[in-house]
Amino acid sequence: MSPPDQNPGAVDRPGVQFLEFLKLQRAHNRRGFAQKSARMSELWSAIADGKGDTDALLELERLARCLAGSGATFAFCDLEVGARALELAVRRLLDGSGSPSAEQCAEIKSAVLTVQSRIPTE
């Protein structure tokens, strides 16, 4: 039996301080999303124009992974799903040989646009 001064359900509810911290983290991440989105556009434009290299693809993959993780952590589910699709599309391109096919380019371009449309603003 629990001592009378303990609330057995207390562990199931996050504390006010934690919820406030999570709210601040969500706001901080939202601000960073715009920067990551702009960088993704720059990288993909360079890659699509033939000016990008493996390092650019690796950075694009890293940005997508970062956005997917933030989406999962901070309950931006649409962002998580879109970013994970972009990450996997870039990984397939990196694992392939030779230049990207028109189909791969279209898939990645579409995934970049999807991620950008799912970035929360408020």
PDB file of N, CA and C in Angstrom:
ATOM      1  N   MET A   1       0.840  -1.175   0.000  1.00  0.00           N
ATOM      2  CA  MET A   1       0.000   0.000   0.000  1.00  0.00           C
ATOM      3  C   MET A   1       0.885   1.239   0.000  1.00  0.00           C
ATOM      4  N   SER A   2       0.500   2.265  -0.761  1.00  0.00           N
ATOM      5  CA  SER A   2       1.272   3.499  -0.882  1.00  0.00           C
ATOM      6  C   SER A   2       1.114   4.338   0.370  1.00  0.00           C
ATOM      7  N   PRO A   3       2.208   5.028   0.737  1.00  0.00           N
ATOM      8  CA  PRO A   3       2.074   5.971   1.853  1.00  0.00           C
ATOM      9  C   PRO A   3       1.035   7.030   1.495  1.00  0.00           C
ATOM     10  N   PRO A   4       0.348   7.595   2.480  1.00  0.00           N
ATOM     11  CA  PRO A   4      -0.740   8.523   2.201  1.00  0.00           C
ATOM     12  C   PRO A   4      -0.322   9.803   1.486  1.00  0.00           C
ATOM     13  N   ASP A   5       0.958  10.199   1.546  1.00  0.00           N
ATOM     14  CA  ASP A   5       1.370  11.455   0.929  1.00  0.00           C
ATOM     15  C   ASP A   5       1.788  11.296  -0.535  1.00  0.00           C
ATOM     16  N   GLN A   6       1.732  10.089  -1.069  1.00  0.00           N
ATOM     17  CA  GLN A   6       2.110   9.878  -2.464  1.00  0.00           C
ATOM     18  C   GLN A   6       0.875   9.777  -3.341  1.00  0.00           C
ATOM     19  N   ASN A   7       0.975  10.333  -4.538  1.00  0.00           N
ATOM     20  CA  ASN A   7      -0.096  10.253  -5.521  1.00  0.00           C
ATOM     21  C   ASN A   7       0.312   9.202  -6.544  1.00  0.00           C
ATOM     22  N   PRO A   8      -0.328   8.028  -6.529  1.00  0.00           N
ATOM     23  CA  PRO A   8       0.121   6.957  -7.413  1.00  0.00           C
ATOM     24  C   PRO A   8       0.026   7.292  -8.906  1.00  0.00           C
ATOM     25  N   GLY A   9      -0.839   8.213  -9.316  1.00  0.00           N
ATOM     26  CA  GLY A   9      -0.963   8.574 -10.717  1.00  0.00           C
ATOM     27  C   GLY A   9      -0.016   9.668 -11.152  1.00  0.00           C
ATOM     28  N   ALA A  10       0.749  10.245 -10.244  1.00  0.00           N
ATOM     29  CA  ALA A  10       1.614  11.392 -10.550  1.00  0.00           C
ATOM     30  C   ALA A  10       2.676  11.061 -11.588  1.00  0.00           C
ATOM     31  N   VAL A  11       3.169   9.852 -11.592  1.00  0.00           N
ATOM     32  CA  VAL A  11       4.212   9.492 -12.539  1.00  0.00           C
ATOM     33  C   VAL A  11       3.701   9.453 -13.974  1.00  0.00           C
ATOM     34  N   ASP A  12       2.419   9.306 -14.129  1.00  0.00           N
ATOM     35  CA  ASP A  12       1.834   9.215 -15.461  1.00  0.00           C
ATOM     36  C   ASP A  12       1.658  10.575 -16.128  1.00  0.00           C
ATOM     37  N   ARG A  13       1.752  11.654 -15.367  1.00  0.00           N
ATOM     38  CA  ARG A  13       1.539  12.991 -15.924  1.00  0.00           C
ATOM     39  C   ARG A  13       2.832  13.789 -15.887  1.00  0.00           C
ATOM     40  N   PRO A  14       3.205  14.383 -17.034  1.00  0.00           N
ATOM     41  CA  PRO A  14       4.429  15.199 -17.044  1.00  0.00           C
ATOM     42  C   PRO A  14       4.241  16.441 -16.173  1.00  0.00           C
ATOM     43  N   GLY A  15       5.336  16.874 -15.561  1.00  0.00           N
ATOM     44  CA  GLY A  15       5.303  18.065 -14.736  1.00  0.00           C
ATOM     45  C   GLY A  15       5.154  19.332 -15.559  1.00  0.00           C
ATOM     46  N   VAL A  16       4.702  20.374 -14.918  1.00  0.00           N
ATOM     47  CA  VAL A  16       4.500  21.663 -15.573  1.00  0.00           C
ATOM     48  C   VAL A  16       5.816  22.174 -16.163  1.00  0.00           C
ATOM     49  N   GLN A  17       6.904  22.030 -15.443  1.00  0.00           N
ATOM     50  CA  GLN A  17       8.198  22.507 -15.943  1.00  0.00           C
ATOM     51  C   GLN A  17       8.604  21.760 -17.210  1.00  0.00           C
ATOM     52  N   PHE A  18       8.373  20.469 -17.244  1.00  0.00           N
ATOM     53  CA  PHE A  18       8.727  19.692 -18.427  1.00  0.00           C
ATOM     54  C   PHE A  18       7.882  20.121 -19.621  1.00  0.00           C
ATOM     55  N   LEU A  19       6.586  20.318 -19.400  1.00  0.00           N
ATOM     56  CA  LEU A  19       5.708  20.745 -20.495  1.00  0.00           C
ATOM     57  C   LEU A  19       6.116  22.121 -21.021  1.00  0.00           C
ATOM     58  N   GLU A  20       6.527  23.010 -20.140  1.00  0.00           N
ATOM     59  CA  GLU A  20       6.982  24.338 -20.569  1.00  0.00           C
ATOM     60  C   GLU A  20       8.281  24.213 -21.367  1.00  0.00           C
ATOM     61  N   PHE A  21       9.188  23.359 -20.904  1.00  0.00           N
ATOM     62  CA  PHE A  21      10.431  23.103 -21.627  1.00  0.00           C
ATOM     63  C   PHE A  21      10.133  22.566 -23.022  1.00  0.00           C
ATOM     64  N   LEU A  22       9.218  21.616 -23.130  1.00  0.00           N
ATOM     65  CA  LEU A  22       8.850  21.041 -24.416  1.00  0.00           C
ATOM     66  C   LEU A  22       8.255  22.101 -25.339  1.00  0.00           C
ATOM     67  N   LYS A  23       7.447  22.973 -24.792  1.00  0.00           N
ATOM     68  CA  LYS A  23       6.855  24.064 -25.580  1.00  0.00           C
ATOM     69  C   LYS A  23       7.945  24.974 -26.130  1.00  0.00           C
ATOM     70  N   LEU A  24       8.928  25.316 -25.315  1.00  0.00           N
ATOM     71  CA  LEU A  24      10.042  26.161 -25.763  1.00  0.00           C
ATOM     72  C   LEU A  24      10.873  25.457 -26.826  1.00  0.00           C
ATOM     73  N   GLN A  25      11.102  24.169 -26.651  1.00  0.00           N
ATOM     74  CA  GLN A  25      11.877  23.403 -27.634  1.00  0.00           C
ATOM     75  C   GLN A  25      11.148  23.344 -28.973  1.00  0.00           C
ATOM     76  N   ARG A  26       9.844  23.155 -28.938  1.00  0.00           N
ATOM     77  CA  ARG A  26       9.062  23.130 -30.180  1.00  0.00           C
ATOM     78  C   ARG A  26       9.196  24.471 -30.913  1.00  0.00           C
ATOM     79  N   ALA A  27       9.103  25.575 -30.165  1.00  0.00           N
ATOM     80  CA  ALA A  27       9.216  26.912 -30.775  1.00  0.00           C
ATOM     81  C   ALA A  27      10.617  27.108 -31.358  1.00  0.00           C
ATOM     82  N   HIS A  28      11.628  26.693 -30.622  1.00  0.00           N
ATOM     83  CA  HIS A  28      13.017  26.817 -31.081  1.00  0.00           C
ATOM     84  C   HIS A  28      13.212  26.007 -32.379  1.00  0.00           C
ATOM     85  N   ASN A  29      12.702  24.798 -32.398  1.00  0.00           N
ATOM     86  CA  ASN A  29      12.847  23.956 -33.591  1.00  0.00           C
ATOM     87  C   ASN A  29      12.107  24.537 -34.773  1.00  0.00           C
ATOM     88  N   ARG A  30      10.939  25.112 -34.553  1.00  0.00           N
ATOM     89  CA  ARG A  30      10.195  25.736 -35.654  1.00  0.00           C
ATOM     90  C   ARG A  30      11.034  26.802 -36.336  1.00  0.00           C
ATOM     91  N   ARG A  31      11.737  27.606 -35.543  1.00  0.00           N
ATOM     92  CA  ARG A  31      12.584  28.658 -36.130  1.00  0.00           C
ATOM     93  C   ARG A  31      13.710  28.050 -36.961  1.00  0.00           C
ATOM     94  N   GLY A  32      14.278  26.972 -36.506  1.00  0.00           N
ATOM     95  CA  GLY A  32      15.360  26.320 -37.234  1.00  0.00           C
ATOM     96  C   GLY A  32      14.904  25.602 -38.496  1.00  0.00           C
ATOM     97  N   PHE A  33      13.628  25.219 -38.545  1.00  0.00           N
ATOM     98  CA  PHE A  33      13.113  24.508 -39.708  1.00  0.00           C
ATOM     99  C   PHE A  33      13.237  25.346 -40.975  1.00  0.00           C
ATOM    100  N   ALA A  34      12.961  26.636 -40.874  1.00  0.00           N
ATOM    101  CA  ALA A  34      13.033  27.512 -42.061  1.00  0.00           C
ATOM    102  C   ALA A  34      14.448  27.542 -42.623  1.00  0.00           C
ATOM    103  N   GLN A  35      15.436  27.586 -41.745  1.00  0.00           N
ATOM    104  CA  GLN A  35      16.834  27.590 -42.194  1.00  0.00           C
ATOM    105  C   GLN A  35      17.189  26.260 -42.862  1.00  0.00           C
ATOM    106  N   LYS A  36      16.749  25.182 -42.264  1.00  0.00           N
ATOM    107  CA  LYS A  36      17.033  23.864 -42.848  1.00  0.00           C
ATOM    108  C   LYS A  36      16.336  23.714 -44.199  1.00  0.00           C
ATOM    109  N   SER A  37      15.118  24.230 -44.283  1.00  0.00           N
ATOM    110  CA  SER A  37      14.376  24.173 -45.535  1.00  0.00           C
ATOM    111  C   SER A  37      15.097  24.937 -46.646  1.00  0.00           C
ATOM    112  N   ALA A  38      15.564  26.124 -46.325  1.00  0.00           N
ATOM    113  CA  ALA A  38      16.295  26.930 -47.317  1.00  0.00           C
ATOM    114  C   ALA A  38      17.566  26.210 -47.759  1.00  0.00           C
ATOM    115  N   ARG A  39      18.265  25.614 -46.818  1.00  0.00           N
ATOM    116  CA  ARG A  39      19.500  24.889 -47.157  1.00  0.00           C
ATOM    117  C   ARG A  39      19.195  23.673 -48.028  1.00  0.00           C
ATOM    118  N   MET A  40      18.100  22.977 -47.742  1.00  0.00           N
ATOM    119  CA  MET A  40      17.715  21.833 -48.573  1.00  0.00           C
ATOM    120  C   MET A  40      17.484  22.281 -50.014  1.00  0.00           C
ATOM    121  N   SER A  41      16.814  23.416 -50.188  1.00  0.00           N
ATOM    122  CA  SER A  41      16.565  23.938 -51.538  1.00  0.00           C
ATOM    123  C   SER A  41      17.868  24.250 -52.256  1.00  0.00           C
ATOM    124  N   GLU A  42      18.784  24.898 -51.557  1.00  0.00           N
ATOM    125  CA  GLU A  42      20.089  25.221 -52.148  1.00  0.00           C
ATOM    126  C   GLU A  42      20.809  23.954 -52.589  1.00  0.00           C
ATOM    127  N   LEU A  43      20.838  22.979 -51.692  1.00  0.00           N
ATOM    128  CA  LEU A  43      21.543  21.729 -51.999  1.00  0.00           C
ATOM    129  C   LEU A  43      20.917  21.023 -53.190  1.00  0.00           C
ATOM    130  N   TRP A  44      19.574  20.906 -53.178  1.00  0.00           N
ATOM    131  CA  TRP A  44      18.950  20.174 -54.264  1.00  0.00           C
ATOM    132  C   TRP A  44      19.112  20.914 -55.585  1.00  0.00           C
ATOM    133  N   SER A  45      19.035  22.230 -55.567  1.00  0.00           N
ATOM    134  CA  SER A  45      19.236  22.999 -56.806  1.00  0.00           C
ATOM    135  C   SER A  45      20.620  22.737 -57.377  1.00  0.00           C
ATOM    136  N   ALA A  46      21.621  22.741 -56.518  1.00  0.00           N
ATOM    137  CA  ALA A  46      22.990  22.485 -56.972  1.00  0.00           C
ATOM    138  C   ALA A  46      23.123  21.062 -57.515  1.00  0.00           C
ATOM    139  N   ILE A  47      22.546  20.110 -56.817  1.00  0.00           N
ATOM    140  CA  ILE A  47      22.633  18.711 -57.250  1.00  0.00           C
ATOM    141  C   ILE A  47      21.919  18.533 -58.591  1.00  0.00           C
ATOM    142  N   ALA A  48      20.721  19.085 -58.703  1.00  0.00           N
ATOM    143  CA  ALA A  48      19.934  18.946 -59.938  1.00  0.00           C
ATOM    144  C   ALA A  48      20.618  19.629 -61.124  1.00  0.00           C
ATOM    145  N   ASP A  49      21.367  20.702 -60.852  1.00  0.00           N
ATOM    146  CA  ASP A  49      22.093  21.411 -61.912  1.00  0.00           C
ATOM    147  C   ASP A  49      23.439  20.772 -62.234  1.00  0.00           C
ATOM    148  N   GLY A  50      23.748  19.675 -61.573  1.00  0.00           N
ATOM    149  CA  GLY A  50      25.013  18.990 -61.813  1.00  0.00           C
ATOM    150  C   GLY A  50      26.191  19.609 -61.092  1.00  0.00           C
ATOM    151  N   LYS A  51      25.923  20.552 -60.185  1.00  0.00           N
ATOM    152  CA  LYS A  51      27.009  21.218 -59.453  1.00  0.00           C
ATOM    153  C   LYS A  51      27.232  20.607 -58.071  1.00  0.00           C
ATOM    154  N   GLY A  52      26.324  19.734 -57.678  1.00  0.00           N
ATOM    155  CA  GLY A  52      26.461  19.094 -56.373  1.00  0.00           C
ATOM    156  C   GLY A  52      27.329  17.857 -56.477  1.00  0.00           C
ATOM    157  N   ASP A  53      27.769  17.389 -55.348  1.00  0.00           N
ATOM    158  CA  ASP A  53      28.585  16.191 -55.311  1.00  0.00           C
ATOM    159  C   ASP A  53      28.075  15.293 -54.189  1.00  0.00           C
ATOM    160  N   THR A  54      28.829  14.266 -53.884  1.00  0.00           N
ATOM    161  CA  THR A  54      28.437  13.343 -52.824  1.00  0.00           C
ATOM    162  C   THR A  54      28.283  14.061 -51.492  1.00  0.00           C
ATOM    163  N   ASP A  55      29.147  15.031 -51.211  1.00  0.00           N
ATOM    164  CA  ASP A  55      29.038  15.771 -49.951  1.00  0.00           C
ATOM    165  C   ASP A  55      27.706  16.514 -49.860  1.00  0.00           C
ATOM    166  N   ALA A  56      27.248  17.067 -50.978  1.00  0.00           N
ATOM    167  CA  ALA A  56      25.960  17.766 -50.991  1.00  0.00           C
ATOM    168  C   ALA A  56      24.818  16.783 -50.726  1.00  0.00           C
ATOM    169  N   LEU A  57      24.890  15.603 -51.336  1.00  0.00           N
ATOM    170  CA  LEU A  57      23.867  14.592 -51.083  1.00  0.00           C
ATOM    171  C   LEU A  57      23.876  14.127 -49.635  1.00  0.00           C
ATOM    172  N   LEU A  58      25.078  13.950 -49.090  1.00  0.00           N
ATOM    173  CA  LEU A  58      25.179  13.539 -47.690  1.00  0.00           C
ATOM    174  C   LEU A  58      24.611  14.607 -46.753  1.00  0.00           C
ATOM    175  N   GLU A  59      24.847  15.869 -47.082  1.00  0.00           N
ATOM    176  CA  GLU A  59      24.289  16.943 -46.261  1.00  0.00           C
ATOM    177  C   GLU A  59      22.768  16.985 -46.381  1.00  0.00           C
ATOM    178  N   LEU A  60      22.249  16.774 -47.577  1.00  0.00           N
ATOM    179  CA  LEU A  60      20.803  16.742 -47.777  1.00  0.00           C
ATOM    180  C   LEU A  60      20.190  15.589 -46.983  1.00  0.00           C
ATOM    181  N   GLU A  61      20.845  14.449 -47.015  1.00  0.00           N
ATOM    182  CA  GLU A  61      20.371  13.292 -46.250  1.00  0.00           C
ATOM    183  C   GLU A  61      20.386  13.604 -44.748  1.00  0.00           C
ATOM    184  N   ARG A  62      21.453  14.254 -44.280  1.00  0.00           N
ATOM    185  CA  ARG A  62      21.571  14.596 -42.859  1.00  0.00           C
ATOM    186  C   ARG A  62      20.473  15.572 -42.440  1.00  0.00           C
ATOM    187  N   LEU A  63      20.204  16.573 -43.276  1.00  0.00           N
ATOM    188  CA  LEU A  63      19.143  17.531 -42.961  1.00  0.00           C
ATOM    189  C   LEU A  63      17.787  16.835 -42.883  1.00  0.00           C
ATOM    190  N   ALA A  64      17.534  15.933 -43.832  1.00  0.00           N
ATOM    191  CA  ALA A  64      16.274  15.189 -43.818  1.00  0.00           C
ATOM    192  C   ALA A  64      16.159  14.340 -42.561  1.00  0.00           C
ATOM    193  N   ARG A  65      17.253  13.678 -42.172  1.00  0.00           N
ATOM    194  CA  ARG A  65      17.245  12.849 -40.959  1.00  0.00           C
ATOM    195  C   ARG A  65      16.989  13.701 -39.724  1.00  0.00           C
ATOM    196  N   CYS A  66      17.607  14.865 -39.689  1.00  0.00           N
ATOM    197  CA  CYS A  66      17.429  15.790 -38.564  1.00  0.00           C
ATOM    198  C   CYS A  66      15.969  16.241 -38.461  1.00  0.00           C
ATOM    199  N   LEU A  67      15.381  16.610 -39.602  1.00  0.00           N
ATOM    200  CA  LEU A  67      13.984  17.046 -39.605  1.00  0.00           C
ATOM    201  C   LEU A  67      13.046  15.902 -39.231  1.00  0.00           C
ATOM    202  N   ALA A  68      13.338  14.706 -39.693  1.00  0.00           N
ATOM    203  CA  ALA A  68      12.511  13.549 -39.346  1.00  0.00           C
ATOM    204  C   ALA A  68      12.568  13.287 -37.841  1.00  0.00           C
ATOM    205  N   GLY A  69      13.765  13.376 -37.284  1.00  0.00           N
ATOM    206  CA  GLY A  69      13.918  13.172 -35.841  1.00  0.00           C
ATOM    207  C   GLY A  69      13.213  14.236 -35.030  1.00  0.00           C
ATOM    208  N   SER A  70      13.335  15.475 -35.450  1.00  0.00           N
ATOM    209  CA  SER A  70      12.644  16.561 -34.743  1.00  0.00           C
ATOM    210  C   SER A  70      11.137  16.408 -34.870  1.00  0.00           C
ATOM    211  N   GLY A  71      10.690  16.001 -36.045  1.00  0.00           N
ATOM    212  CA  GLY A  71       9.261  15.774 -36.230  1.00  0.00           C
ATOM    213  C   GLY A  71       8.741  14.706 -35.288  1.00  0.00           C
ATOM    214  N   ALA A  72       9.500  13.628 -35.152  1.00  0.00           N
ATOM    215  CA  ALA A  72       9.090  12.543 -34.254  1.00  0.00           C
ATOM    216  C   ALA A  72       9.128  12.989 -32.795  1.00  0.00           C
ATOM    217  N   THR A  73      10.171  13.677 -32.423  1.00  0.00           N
ATOM    218  CA  THR A  73      10.336  14.093 -31.033  1.00  0.00           C
ATOM    219  C   THR A  73       9.292  15.101 -30.586  1.00  0.00           C
ATOM    220  N   PHE A  74       8.970  16.045 -31.469  1.00  0.00           N
ATOM    221  CA  PHE A  74       8.104  17.152 -31.070  1.00  0.00           C
ATOM    222  C   PHE A  74       6.711  17.083 -31.693  1.00  0.00           C
ATOM    223  N   ALA A  75       6.317  15.889 -32.115  1.00  0.00           N
ATOM    224  CA  ALA A  75       4.960  15.610 -32.584  1.00  0.00           C
ATOM    225  C   ALA A  75       4.567  16.408 -33.831  1.00  0.00           C
ATOM    226  N   PHE A  76       5.518  16.597 -34.737  1.00  0.00           N
ATOM    227  CA  PHE A  76       5.215  17.143 -36.050  1.00  0.00           C
ATOM    228  C   PHE A  76       5.184  15.939 -37.004  1.00  0.00           C
ATOM    229  N   CYS A  77       4.134  15.150 -36.899  1.00  0.00           N
ATOM    230  CA  CYS A  77       4.087  13.848 -37.583  1.00  0.00           C
ATOM    231  C   CYS A  77       4.172  13.956 -39.099  1.00  0.00           C
ATOM    232  N   ASP A  78       3.485  14.934 -39.688  1.00  0.00           N
ATOM    233  CA  ASP A  78       3.543  15.084 -41.147  1.00  0.00           C
ATOM    234  C   ASP A  78       4.961  15.404 -41.608  1.00  0.00           C
ATOM    235  N   LEU A  79       5.648  16.243 -40.840  1.00  0.00           N
ATOM    236  CA  LEU A  79       7.036  16.581 -41.160  1.00  0.00           C
ATOM    237  C   LEU A  79       7.910  15.340 -41.048  1.00  0.00           C
ATOM    238  N   GLU A  80       7.725  14.572 -40.006  1.00  0.00           N
ATOM    239  CA  GLU A  80       8.520  13.359 -39.806  1.00  0.00           C
ATOM    240  C   GLU A  80       8.388  12.416 -40.998  1.00  0.00           C
ATOM    241  N   VAL A  81       7.165  12.169 -41.441  1.00  0.00           N
ATOM    242  CA  VAL A  81       6.928  11.234 -42.538  1.00  0.00           C
ATOM    243  C   VAL A  81       7.551  11.748 -43.842  1.00  0.00           C
ATOM    244  N   GLY A  82       7.340  13.025 -44.142  1.00  0.00           N
ATOM    245  CA  GLY A  82       7.897  13.599 -45.364  1.00  0.00           C
ATOM    246  C   GLY A  82       9.415  13.601 -45.361  1.00  0.00           C
ATOM    247  N   ALA A  83       9.996  13.973 -44.224  1.00  0.00           N
ATOM    248  CA  ALA A  83      11.458  14.029 -44.125  1.00  0.00           C
ATOM    249  C   ALA A  83      12.070  12.631 -44.204  1.00  0.00           C
ATOM    250  N   ARG A  84      11.400  11.658 -43.613  1.00  0.00           N
ATOM    251  CA  ARG A  84      11.911  10.280 -43.681  1.00  0.00           C
ATOM    252  C   ARG A  84      11.889   9.788 -45.134  1.00  0.00           C
ATOM    253  N   ALA A  85      10.844  10.136 -45.885  1.00  0.00           N
ATOM    254  CA  ALA A  85      10.776   9.748 -47.301  1.00  0.00           C
ATOM    255  C   ALA A  85      11.916  10.396 -48.083  1.00  0.00           C
ATOM    256  N   LEU A  86      12.208  11.659 -47.793  1.00  0.00           N
ATOM    257  CA  LEU A  86      13.327  12.339 -48.458  1.00  0.00           C
ATOM    258  C   LEU A  86      14.645  11.666 -48.103  1.00  0.00           C
ATOM    259  N   GLU A  87      14.834  11.383 -46.838  1.00  0.00           N
ATOM    260  CA  GLU A  87      16.074  10.732 -46.397  1.00  0.00           C
ATOM    261  C   GLU A  87      16.281   9.406 -47.137  1.00  0.00           C
ATOM    262  N   LEU A  88      15.238   8.611 -47.235  1.00  0.00           N
ATOM    263  CA  LEU A  88      15.358   7.308 -47.906  1.00  0.00           C
ATOM    264  C   LEU A  88      15.607   7.455 -49.405  1.00  0.00           C
ATOM    265  N   ALA A  89      14.961   8.445 -50.025  1.00  0.00           N
ATOM    266  CA  ALA A  89      15.183   8.682 -51.456  1.00  0.00           C
ATOM    267  C   ALA A  89      16.634   9.080 -51.723  1.00  0.00           C
ATOM    268  N   VAL A  90      17.176   9.942 -50.886  1.00  0.00           N
ATOM    269  CA  VAL A  90      18.580  10.360 -51.041  1.00  0.00           C
ATOM    270  C   VAL A  90      19.504   9.170 -50.794  1.00  0.00           C
ATOM    271  N   ARG A  91      19.181   8.358 -49.796  1.00  0.00           N
ATOM    272  CA  ARG A  91      20.012   7.188 -49.492  1.00  0.00           C
ATOM    273  C   ARG A  91      20.044   6.237 -50.689  1.00  0.00           C
ATOM    274  N   ARG A  92      18.890   6.023 -51.333  1.00  0.00           N
ATOM    275  CA  ARG A  92      18.871   5.145 -52.518  1.00  0.00           C
ATOM    276  C   ARG A  92      19.765   5.708 -53.616  1.00  0.00           C
ATOM    277  N   LEU A  93      19.739   7.011 -53.766  1.00  0.00           N
ATOM    278  CA  LEU A  93      20.590   7.652 -54.772  1.00  0.00           C
ATOM    279  C   LEU A  93      22.066   7.468 -54.417  1.00  0.00           C
ATOM    280  N   LEU A  94      22.399   7.650 -53.155  1.00  0.00           N
ATOM    281  CA  LEU A  94      23.785   7.480 -52.719  1.00  0.00           C
ATOM    282  C   LEU A  94      24.254   6.026 -52.871  1.00  0.00           C
ATOM    283  N   ASP A  95      23.342   5.096 -52.657  1.00  0.00           N
ATOM    284  CA  ASP A  95      23.708   3.679 -52.750  1.00  0.00           C
ATOM    285  C   ASP A  95      23.804   3.192 -54.196  1.00  0.00           C
ATOM    286  N   GLY A  96      23.246   3.951 -55.125  1.00  0.00           N
ATOM    287  CA  GLY A  96      23.281   3.577 -56.537  1.00  0.00           C
ATOM    288  C   GLY A  96      24.621   3.942 -57.160  1.00  0.00           C
ATOM    289  N   SER A  97      24.720   3.641 -58.410  1.00  0.00           N
ATOM    290  CA  SER A  97      25.960   3.995 -59.112  1.00  0.00           C
ATOM    291  C   SER A  97      25.618   4.889 -60.287  1.00  0.00           C
ATOM    292  N   GLY A  98      26.501   5.776 -60.577  1.00  0.00           N
ATOM    293  CA  GLY A  98      26.297   6.659 -61.715  1.00  0.00           C
ATOM    294  C   GLY A  98      25.448   7.871 -61.364  1.00  0.00           C
ATOM    295  N   SER A  99      25.043   8.541 -62.404  1.00  0.00           N
ATOM    296  CA  SER A  99      24.243   9.753 -62.240  1.00  0.00           C
ATOM    297  C   SER A  99      22.810   9.395 -61.885  1.00  0.00           C
ATOM    298  N   PRO A 100      22.120  10.319 -61.200  1.00  0.00           N
ATOM    299  CA  PRO A 100      20.724  10.042 -60.856  1.00  0.00           C
ATOM    300  C   PRO A 100      19.847   9.999 -62.111  1.00  0.00           C
ATOM    301  N   SER A 101      18.883   9.100 -62.085  1.00  0.00           N
ATOM    302  CA  SER A 101      17.945   9.009 -63.206  1.00  0.00           C
ATOM    303  C   SER A 101      16.934  10.151 -63.095  1.00  0.00           C
ATOM    304  N   ALA A 102      16.210  10.373 -64.169  1.00  0.00           N
ATOM    305  CA  ALA A 102      15.163  11.399 -64.164  1.00  0.00           C
ATOM    306  C   ALA A 102      14.114  11.068 -63.106  1.00  0.00           C
ATOM    307  N   GLU A 103      13.830   9.789 -62.937  1.00  0.00           N
ATOM    308  CA  GLU A 103      12.860   9.343 -61.941  1.00  0.00           C
ATOM    309  C   GLU A 103      13.352   9.660 -60.523  1.00  0.00           C
ATOM    310  N   GLN A 104      14.629   9.389 -60.269  1.00  0.00           N
ATOM    311  CA  GLN A 104      15.191   9.694 -58.945  1.00  0.00           C
ATOM    312  C   GLN A 104      15.166  11.197 -58.678  1.00  0.00           C
ATOM    313  N   CYS A 105      15.520  11.976 -59.672  1.00  0.00           N
ATOM    314  CA  CYS A 105      15.498  13.438 -59.519  1.00  0.00           C
ATOM    315  C   CYS A 105      14.089  13.925 -59.204  1.00  0.00           C
ATOM    316  N   ALA A 106      13.108  13.392 -59.922  1.00  0.00           N
ATOM    317  CA  ALA A 106      11.713  13.798 -59.693  1.00  0.00           C
ATOM    318  C   ALA A 106      11.263  13.393 -58.294  1.00  0.00           C
ATOM    319  N   GLU A 107      11.667  12.208 -57.850  1.00  0.00           N
ATOM    320  CA  GLU A 107      11.292  11.728 -56.518  1.00  0.00           C
ATOM    321  C   GLU A 107      11.874  12.625 -55.432  1.00  0.00           C
ATOM    322  N   ILE A 108      13.144  12.979 -55.563  1.00  0.00           N
ATOM    323  CA  ILE A 108      13.783  13.801 -54.543  1.00  0.00           C
ATOM    324  C   ILE A 108      13.231  15.219 -54.576  1.00  0.00           C
ATOM    325  N   LYS A 109      13.033  15.769 -55.755  1.00  0.00           N
ATOM    326  CA  LYS A 109      12.461  17.109 -55.849  1.00  0.00           C
ATOM    327  C   LYS A 109      11.074  17.144 -55.192  1.00  0.00           C
ATOM    328  N   SER A 110      10.271  16.144 -55.469  1.00  0.00           N
ATOM    329  CA  SER A 110       8.939  16.049 -54.876  1.00  0.00           C
ATOM    330  C   SER A 110       9.028  15.918 -53.354  1.00  0.00           C
ATOM    331  N   ALA A 111       9.980  15.119 -52.884  1.00  0.00           N
ATOM    332  CA  ALA A 111      10.145  14.925 -51.440  1.00  0.00           C
ATOM    333  C   ALA A 111      10.587  16.223 -50.761  1.00  0.00           C
ATOM    334  N   VAL A 112      11.486  16.973 -51.397  1.00  0.00           N
ATOM    335  CA  VAL A 112      11.926  18.268 -50.843  1.00  0.00           C
ATOM    336  C   VAL A 112      10.725  19.203 -50.735  1.00  0.00           C
ATOM    337  N   LEU A 113       9.924  19.278 -51.788  1.00  0.00           N
ATOM    338  CA  LEU A 113       8.749  20.152 -51.775  1.00  0.00           C
ATOM    339  C   LEU A 113       7.738  19.709 -50.722  1.00  0.00           C
ATOM    340  N   THR A 114       7.582  18.408 -50.560  1.00  0.00           N
ATOM    341  CA  THR A 114       6.668  17.883 -49.536  1.00  0.00           C
ATOM    342  C   THR A 114       7.143  18.274 -48.147  1.00  0.00           C
ATOM    343  N   VAL A 115       8.424  18.090 -47.882  1.00  0.00           N
ATOM    344  CA  VAL A 115       8.968  18.461 -46.571  1.00  0.00           C
ATOM    345  C   VAL A 115       8.734  19.945 -46.328  1.00  0.00           C
ATOM    346  N   GLN A 116       9.039  20.759 -47.308  1.00  0.00           N
ATOM    347  CA  GLN A 116       8.875  22.199 -47.134  1.00  0.00           C
ATOM    348  C   GLN A 116       7.419  22.572 -46.861  1.00  0.00           C
ATOM    349  N   SER A 117       6.492  21.877 -47.480  1.00  0.00           N
ATOM    350  CA  SER A 117       5.073  22.184 -47.259  1.00  0.00           C
ATOM    351  C   SER A 117       4.596  21.732 -45.889  1.00  0.00           C
ATOM    352  N   ARG A 118       5.338  20.842 -45.255  1.00  0.00           N
ATOM    353  CA  ARG A 118       4.935  20.300 -43.958  1.00  0.00           C
ATOM    354  C   ARG A 118       5.647  20.934 -42.771  1.00  0.00           C
ATOM    355  N   ILE A 119       6.511  21.887 -43.055  1.00  0.00           N
ATOM    356  CA  ILE A 119       7.222  22.554 -41.959  1.00  0.00           C
ATOM    357  C   ILE A 119       6.238  23.462 -41.227  1.00  0.00           C
ATOM    358  N   PRO A 120       6.070  23.222 -39.922  1.00  0.00           N
ATOM    359  CA  PRO A 120       5.114  24.042 -39.162  1.00  0.00           C
ATOM    360  C   PRO A 120       5.601  25.480 -39.018  1.00  0.00           C
ATOM    361  N   THR A 121       4.676  26.410 -39.113  1.00  0.00           N
ATOM    362  CA  THR A 121       5.028  27.820 -38.987  1.00  0.00           C
ATOM    363  C   THR A 121       4.567  28.395 -37.664  1.00  0.00           C
ATOM    364  N   GLU A 122       3.571  27.850 -37.082  1.00  0.00           N
ATOM    365  CA  GLU A 122       3.054  28.351 -35.789  1.00  0.00           C
ATOM    366  C   GLU A 122       2.939  27.236 -34.806  1.00  0.00           C
TER     367      GLU A 122
END
